[in-house]
């Protein structure tokens, strides 16, 4: 599982967050835990494979926003021990 975090320019409100989330889901089928924050200017999501950065950037740019940076890191879910 991989976590992708992006800095995005142009988000001003909750509707902007929704537009970005929809664009992420369109560019990365199977994206999970898609979250955006206009206050932080940041979006993140989980995916099984590293997403195609250019497709992701292009899809978000089509909605009128600009990806300033994009970072992928391996994500491990928490382990519960009882």
Protein backbone atom coordinates (compact mmCIF):
# COMPACT_ATOMS: atom_id res chain seq x y z
CA UNK A 1 0.00 0.00 0.00
CA UNK A 2 1.27 3.49 -0.84
CA UNK A 3 0.36 6.89 0.59
CA UNK A 4 0.44 9.81 -1.82
CA UNK A 5 0.52 13.35 -0.43
CA UNK A 6 0.21 16.43 -2.63
CA UNK A 7 0.46 20.16 -2.06
CA UNK A 8 -2.22 21.81 -4.18
CA UNK A 9 -2.66 25.49 -5.06
CA UNK A 10 -6.09 27.03 -5.49
CA UNK A 11 -8.29 25.27 -2.92
CA UNK A 12 -10.41 27.83 -1.06
CA UNK A 13 -13.36 25.94 0.44
CA UNK A 14 -15.02 22.59 1.09
CA UNK A 15 -16.32 22.39 -2.49
CA UNK A 16 -12.75 22.77 -3.75
CA UNK A 17 -11.81 19.80 -1.56
CA UNK A 18 -14.66 17.78 -3.08
CA UNK A 19 -13.51 18.64 -6.64
CA UNK A 20 -9.96 17.51 -5.83
CA UNK A 21 -11.20 14.29 -4.19
CA UNK A 22 -13.32 13.49 -7.25
CA UNK A 23 -10.35 14.16 -9.55
CA UNK A 24 -8.15 11.83 -7.48
CA UNK A 25 -10.75 9.05 -7.63
CA UNK A 26 -11.00 9.54 -11.41
CA UNK A 27 -7.20 9.45 -11.93
CA UNK A 28 -6.54 6.60 -9.48
CA UNK A 29 -9.29 3.96 -9.56
CA UNK A 30 -9.31 2.15 -6.24
CA UNK A 31 -7.92 5.12 -4.27
CA UNK A 32 -8.79 4.81 -0.57
CA UNK A 33 -9.01 7.28 2.32
CA UNK A 34 -9.03 10.25 -0.05
CA UNK A 35 -8.74 13.44 2.01
CA UNK A 36 -8.18 17.10 1.13
CA UNK A 37 -7.77 20.21 3.25
CA UNK A 38 -8.12 23.68 1.77
CA UNK A 39 -6.66 25.13 4.98
CA UNK A 40 -3.45 23.11 4.59
CA UNK A 41 -3.50 23.16 0.79
CA UNK A 42 -2.95 19.42 0.90
CA UNK A 43 -4.51 16.19 -0.36
CA UNK A 44 -3.66 12.58 0.42
CA UNK A 45 -4.87 9.09 -0.39
CA UNK A 46 -3.88 5.42 -0.23
CA UNK A 47 -3.50 3.11 -3.22
CA UNK A 48 -2.30 -0.43 -3.90
CA UNK A 49 0.28 0.75 -6.45
CA UNK A 50 2.26 3.95 -6.95
CA UNK A 51 -0.03 6.16 -9.06
CA UNK A 52 1.01 7.63 -12.41
CA UNK A 53 2.12 11.13 -11.36
CA UNK A 54 1.53 12.75 -14.75
CA UNK A 55 -2.02 11.38 -15.07
CA UNK A 56 -2.78 12.55 -11.53
CA UNK A 57 -1.35 16.05 -12.11
CA UNK A 58 -3.13 16.41 -15.47
CA UNK A 59 -6.49 15.29 -14.06
CA UNK A 60 -6.26 17.74 -11.16
CA UNK A 61 -5.11 20.56 -13.44
CA UNK A 62 -8.17 19.95 -15.66
CA UNK A 63 -10.32 20.94 -12.66
CA UNK A 64 -8.49 24.28 -12.33
CA UNK A 65 -6.02 23.51 -9.54
CA UNK A 66 -2.24 23.14 -9.62
CA UNK A 67 -0.19 20.36 -8.01
CA UNK A 68 2.82 22.05 -6.39
CA UNK A 69 4.44 18.87 -5.08
CA UNK A 70 3.72 15.15 -4.96
CA UNK A 71 5.26 12.56 -2.66
CA UNK A 72 4.75 8.79 -2.52
CA UNK A 73 5.73 6.66 0.46
CA UNK A 74 5.16 3.08 1.44
CA UNK A 75 2.33 2.88 3.96
CA UNK A 76 1.84 0.14 6.50
CA UNK A 77 -1.42 -0.13 8.36
CA UNK A 78 -1.33 -0.17 12.12
CA UNK A 79 -1.00 -3.49 13.89
CA UNK A 80 -3.18 -4.26 16.86
CA UNK A 81 -1.83 -6.53 19.56
CA UNK A 82 -4.17 -7.82 22.25
